Amino acid sequence: MSYEIIESCVNCWACVPLCPSDAIYEAKPHFMINKKKCTECDGDFISAQCASICPIEEAIIDSSGDFLNPEGSLTGISPDCRSQVMVEIQAR
């Protein structure tokens, strides 16, 4: 079990110092999580520390492939509402 940082990561460094197992490392083109070191914060914290600080939606996934910060979780704007607003903006 481990989390994974995917290509939408912008290398902001926010997650690195928060990882209790020191599993996050710099790689190209984005940060990565060492699967052997990642404990999913089990025993240390209730929630994933990397996801709790990550400013990018859909940048970290769990072992099931689910996003820890799904679209709309940081902005409070649901994907459906966002799509509708984008259509309105583009129509201007």
N, C-alpha and C. Protein backbone atom coordinates (compact mmCIF):
# COMPACT_ATOMS: atom_id res chain seq x y z
N MET A 1 0.83 -1.18 0.00
CA MET A 1 0.00 0.00 0.00
C MET A 1 0.87 1.24 0.00
N SER A 2 0.59 2.12 -0.91
CA SER A 2 1.27 3.41 -0.93
C SER A 2 0.51 4.37 -1.82
N TYR A 3 0.78 5.63 -1.61
CA TYR A 3 0.22 6.65 -2.46
C TYR A 3 1.14 6.85 -3.66
N GLU A 4 0.61 7.58 -4.65
CA GLU A 4 1.41 7.87 -5.84
C GLU A 4 1.15 9.31 -6.26
N ILE A 5 2.21 10.02 -6.57
CA ILE A 5 2.10 11.37 -7.11
C ILE A 5 2.18 11.24 -8.62
N ILE A 6 1.24 11.88 -9.32
CA ILE A 6 1.19 11.74 -10.78
C ILE A 6 1.62 13.03 -11.46
N GLU A 7 1.57 13.04 -12.78
CA GLU A 7 2.15 14.11 -13.59
C GLU A 7 1.55 15.50 -13.39
N SER A 8 0.42 15.62 -12.75
CA SER A 8 -0.12 16.96 -12.51
C SER A 8 0.60 17.69 -11.38
N CYS A 9 1.49 17.01 -10.68
CA CYS A 9 2.33 17.62 -9.64
C CYS A 9 3.16 18.74 -10.26
N VAL A 10 3.28 19.85 -9.53
CA VAL A 10 4.04 21.00 -10.03
C VAL A 10 5.36 21.21 -9.27
N ASN A 11 5.77 20.22 -8.50
CA ASN A 11 7.03 20.29 -7.73
C ASN A 11 7.09 21.51 -6.82
N CYS A 12 6.06 21.75 -6.06
CA CYS A 12 6.03 22.92 -5.18
C CYS A 12 6.76 22.70 -3.85
N TRP A 13 7.11 21.48 -3.55
CA TRP A 13 7.84 21.10 -2.33
C TRP A 13 6.99 21.11 -1.07
N ALA A 14 5.72 21.41 -1.13
CA ALA A 14 4.90 21.49 0.08
C ALA A 14 4.81 20.15 0.82
N CYS A 15 4.73 19.07 0.09
CA CYS A 15 4.52 17.76 0.71
C CYS A 15 5.79 17.14 1.31
N VAL A 16 6.93 17.47 0.78
CA VAL A 16 8.18 16.81 1.16
C VAL A 16 8.44 16.84 2.67
N PRO A 17 8.42 18.01 3.31
CA PRO A 17 8.74 18.02 4.74
C PRO A 17 7.66 17.41 5.64
N LEU A 18 6.45 17.23 5.11
CA LEU A 18 5.36 16.68 5.92
C LEU A 18 5.32 15.17 5.96
N CYS A 19 5.97 14.50 5.05
CA CYS A 19 5.90 13.04 4.96
C CYS A 19 6.61 12.40 6.18
N PRO A 20 5.86 11.68 7.03
CA PRO A 20 6.46 11.10 8.23
C PRO A 20 7.41 9.95 7.94
N SER A 21 7.30 9.36 6.77
CA SER A 21 8.18 8.23 6.44
C SER A 21 9.28 8.60 5.45
N ASP A 22 9.39 9.88 5.14
CA ASP A 22 10.43 10.38 4.23
C ASP A 22 10.39 9.63 2.89
N ALA A 23 9.18 9.43 2.38
CA ALA A 23 8.99 8.64 1.18
C ALA A 23 8.94 9.46 -0.11
N ILE A 24 8.83 10.77 -0.01
CA ILE A 24 8.69 11.62 -1.19
C ILE A 24 10.06 12.11 -1.62
N TYR A 25 10.33 11.97 -2.90
CA TYR A 25 11.64 12.40 -3.42
C TYR A 25 11.47 13.11 -4.76
N GLU A 26 12.45 13.95 -5.06
CA GLU A 26 12.43 14.71 -6.31
C GLU A 26 12.86 13.82 -7.47
N ALA A 27 12.09 13.86 -8.51
CA ALA A 27 12.39 13.10 -9.73
C ALA A 27 11.92 13.95 -10.91
N LYS A 28 12.20 13.50 -12.08
CA LYS A 28 11.74 14.22 -13.27
C LYS A 28 10.58 13.47 -13.86
N PRO A 29 9.55 14.12 -14.30
CA PRO A 29 9.33 15.57 -14.30
C PRO A 29 8.61 16.05 -13.03
N HIS A 30 8.28 15.15 -12.09
CA HIS A 30 7.56 15.55 -10.88
C HIS A 30 8.02 14.71 -9.70
N PHE A 31 7.58 15.09 -8.51
CA PHE A 31 7.94 14.32 -7.32
C PHE A 31 7.36 12.91 -7.41
N MET A 32 7.99 12.01 -6.71
CA MET A 32 7.55 10.61 -6.68
C MET A 32 7.46 10.17 -5.23
N ILE A 33 6.78 9.05 -5.00
CA ILE A 33 6.70 8.46 -3.66
C ILE A 33 7.32 7.09 -3.73
N ASN A 34 8.27 6.83 -2.84
CA ASN A 34 8.91 5.52 -2.75
C ASN A 34 7.89 4.55 -2.16
N LYS A 35 7.43 3.61 -2.96
CA LYS A 35 6.38 2.67 -2.55
C LYS A 35 6.80 1.81 -1.36
N LYS A 36 8.08 1.55 -1.23
CA LYS A 36 8.56 0.73 -0.12
C LYS A 36 8.57 1.50 1.20
N LYS A 37 8.66 2.83 1.11
CA LYS A 37 8.71 3.66 2.32
C LYS A 37 7.34 4.19 2.75
N CYS A 38 6.45 4.40 1.78
CA CYS A 38 5.15 5.02 2.07
C CYS A 38 4.30 4.12 2.96
N THR A 39 3.84 4.69 4.06
CA THR A 39 2.97 3.96 4.99
C THR A 39 1.54 4.48 4.93
N GLU A 40 1.26 5.40 4.01
CA GLU A 40 -0.02 6.09 3.92
C GLU A 40 -0.34 6.78 5.25
N CYS A 41 0.71 7.17 5.95
CA CYS A 41 0.62 7.88 7.24
C CYS A 41 -0.04 7.04 8.33
N ASP A 42 -0.22 5.76 8.07
CA ASP A 42 -0.84 4.86 9.04
C ASP A 42 0.01 4.80 10.31
N GLY A 43 -0.62 5.04 11.43
CA GLY A 43 0.08 5.04 12.70
C GLY A 43 0.67 6.39 13.08
N ASP A 44 0.73 7.30 12.13
CA ASP A 44 1.26 8.63 12.39
C ASP A 44 0.18 9.71 12.37
N PHE A 45 -0.69 9.64 11.37
CA PHE A 45 -1.73 10.65 11.20
C PHE A 45 -3.02 9.99 10.71
N ILE A 46 -4.14 10.66 10.94
CA ILE A 46 -5.43 10.14 10.49
C ILE A 46 -5.57 10.27 8.97
N SER A 47 -5.05 11.36 8.42
CA SER A 47 -5.16 11.59 6.99
C SER A 47 -3.78 11.72 6.36
N ALA A 48 -3.74 11.55 5.06
CA ALA A 48 -2.49 11.65 4.31
C ALA A 48 -1.94 13.06 4.38
N GLN A 49 -0.74 13.21 4.89
CA GLN A 49 -0.14 14.52 5.04
C GLN A 49 0.20 15.16 3.69
N CYS A 50 0.63 14.35 2.73
CA CYS A 50 0.94 14.89 1.41
C CYS A 50 -0.30 15.50 0.76
N ALA A 51 -1.43 14.81 0.87
CA ALA A 51 -2.66 15.31 0.28
C ALA A 51 -3.22 16.50 1.06
N SER A 52 -2.97 16.53 2.36
CA SER A 52 -3.51 17.61 3.18
C SER A 52 -2.89 18.97 2.83
N ILE A 53 -1.69 18.97 2.29
CA ILE A 53 -1.00 20.22 1.96
C ILE A 53 -0.93 20.48 0.46
N CYS A 54 -1.17 19.48 -0.34
CA CYS A 54 -1.03 19.60 -1.80
C CYS A 54 -2.00 20.65 -2.37
N PRO A 55 -1.48 21.65 -3.10
CA PRO A 55 -2.33 22.69 -3.66
C PRO A 55 -2.92 22.34 -5.03
N ILE A 56 -2.65 21.13 -5.51
CA ILE A 56 -3.09 20.73 -6.84
C ILE A 56 -4.13 19.61 -6.74
N GLU A 57 -5.29 19.82 -7.33
CA GLU A 57 -6.30 18.77 -7.35
C GLU A 57 -5.86 17.65 -8.28
N GLU A 58 -6.17 16.44 -7.88
CA GLU A 58 -5.90 15.23 -8.67
C GLU A 58 -4.41 15.02 -8.95
N ALA A 59 -3.57 15.29 -7.96
CA ALA A 59 -2.13 15.06 -8.12
C ALA A 59 -1.64 13.84 -7.35
N ILE A 60 -2.43 13.36 -6.38
CA ILE A 60 -2.02 12.22 -5.56
C ILE A 60 -3.14 11.20 -5.56
N ILE A 61 -2.78 9.94 -5.82
CA ILE A 61 -3.77 8.87 -5.82
C ILE A 61 -3.42 7.82 -4.77
N ASP A 62 -4.44 7.11 -4.32
CA ASP A 62 -4.21 6.05 -3.35
C ASP A 62 -3.99 4.73 -4.07
N SER A 63 -3.83 3.66 -3.32
CA SER A 63 -3.52 2.36 -3.93
C SER A 63 -4.67 1.81 -4.76
N SER A 64 -5.87 2.36 -4.60
CA SER A 64 -7.03 1.95 -5.41
C SER A 64 -7.16 2.76 -6.69
N GLY A 65 -6.33 3.80 -6.82
CA GLY A 65 -6.38 4.66 -8.00
C GLY A 65 -7.32 5.84 -7.83
N ASP A 66 -7.82 6.04 -6.61
CA ASP A 66 -8.72 7.17 -6.34
C ASP A 66 -7.90 8.40 -5.97
N PHE A 67 -8.36 9.57 -6.41
CA PHE A 67 -7.67 10.81 -6.08
C PHE A 67 -7.88 11.17 -4.62
N LEU A 68 -6.81 11.57 -3.95
CA LEU A 68 -6.93 12.02 -2.56
C LEU A 68 -7.47 13.44 -2.50
N ASN A 69 -7.24 14.23 -3.53
CA ASN A 69 -7.79 15.58 -3.68
C ASN A 69 -8.53 15.62 -5.01
N PRO A 70 -9.76 15.08 -5.04
CA PRO A 70 -10.49 15.05 -6.32
C PRO A 70 -10.86 16.45 -6.80
N GLU A 71 -11.21 16.53 -8.07
CA GLU A 71 -11.59 17.81 -8.66
C GLU A 71 -12.70 18.46 -7.85
N GLY A 72 -12.50 19.71 -7.51
CA GLY A 72 -13.48 20.46 -6.73
C GLY A 72 -13.23 20.44 -5.24
N SER A 73 -12.36 19.56 -4.76
CA SER A 73 -12.13 19.44 -3.32
C SER A 73 -11.38 20.64 -2.74
N LEU A 74 -10.57 21.29 -3.52
CA LEU A 74 -9.82 22.44 -3.02
C LEU A 74 -10.52 23.76 -3.30
N THR A 75 -11.22 23.83 -4.41
CA THR A 75 -11.88 25.07 -4.80
C THR A 75 -13.31 25.16 -4.27
N GLY A 76 -13.90 24.02 -3.97
CA GLY A 76 -15.29 24.00 -3.55
C GLY A 76 -16.26 24.10 -4.72
N ILE A 77 -15.73 24.08 -5.94
CA ILE A 77 -16.55 24.16 -7.14
C ILE A 77 -16.71 22.75 -7.70
N SER A 78 -17.93 22.28 -7.77
CA SER A 78 -18.15 20.93 -8.29
C SER A 78 -17.78 20.85 -9.77
N PRO A 79 -17.36 19.68 -10.23
CA PRO A 79 -17.00 19.53 -11.64
C PRO A 79 -18.13 19.93 -12.58
N ASP A 80 -19.39 19.61 -12.22
CA ASP A 80 -20.52 19.96 -13.08
C ASP A 80 -20.69 21.47 -13.17
N CYS A 81 -20.59 22.14 -12.05
CA CYS A 81 -20.72 23.60 -12.02
C CYS A 81 -19.57 24.24 -12.80
N ARG A 82 -18.38 23.71 -12.61
CA ARG A 82 -17.21 24.26 -13.31
C ARG A 82 -17.38 24.14 -14.81
N SER A 83 -17.86 23.00 -15.28
CA SER A 83 -18.07 22.79 -16.73
C SER A 83 -19.07 23.79 -17.29
N GLN A 84 -20.14 24.01 -16.56
CA GLN A 84 -21.17 24.95 -17.01
C GLN A 84 -20.60 26.37 -17.09
N VAL A 85 -19.86 26.78 -16.08
CA VAL A 85 -19.26 28.12 -16.06
C VAL A 85 -18.25 28.28 -17.20
N MET A 86 -17.46 27.24 -17.46
CA MET A 86 -16.47 27.31 -18.54
C MET A 86 -17.16 27.49 -19.90
N VAL A 87 -18.28 26.82 -20.09
CA VAL A 87 -19.03 26.98 -21.34
C VAL A 87 -19.53 28.42 -21.47
N GLU A 88 -20.02 28.98 -20.38
CA GLU A 88 -20.49 30.36 -20.40
C GLU A 88 -19.36 31.34 -20.68
N ILE A 89 -18.21 31.11 -20.06
CA ILE A 89 -17.06 31.99 -20.28
C ILE A 89 -16.59 31.93 -21.72
N GLN A 90 -16.52 30.74 -22.27
CA GLN A 90 -16.05 30.57 -23.65
C GLN A 90 -17.01 31.13 -24.67
N ALA A 91 -18.29 31.25 -24.29
CA ALA A 91 -19.29 31.79 -25.21
C ALA A 91 -19.24 33.31 -25.29
N ARG A 92 -18.52 33.94 -24.40
CA ARG A 92 -18.46 35.42 -24.39
C ARG A 92 -17.68 35.97 -25.54
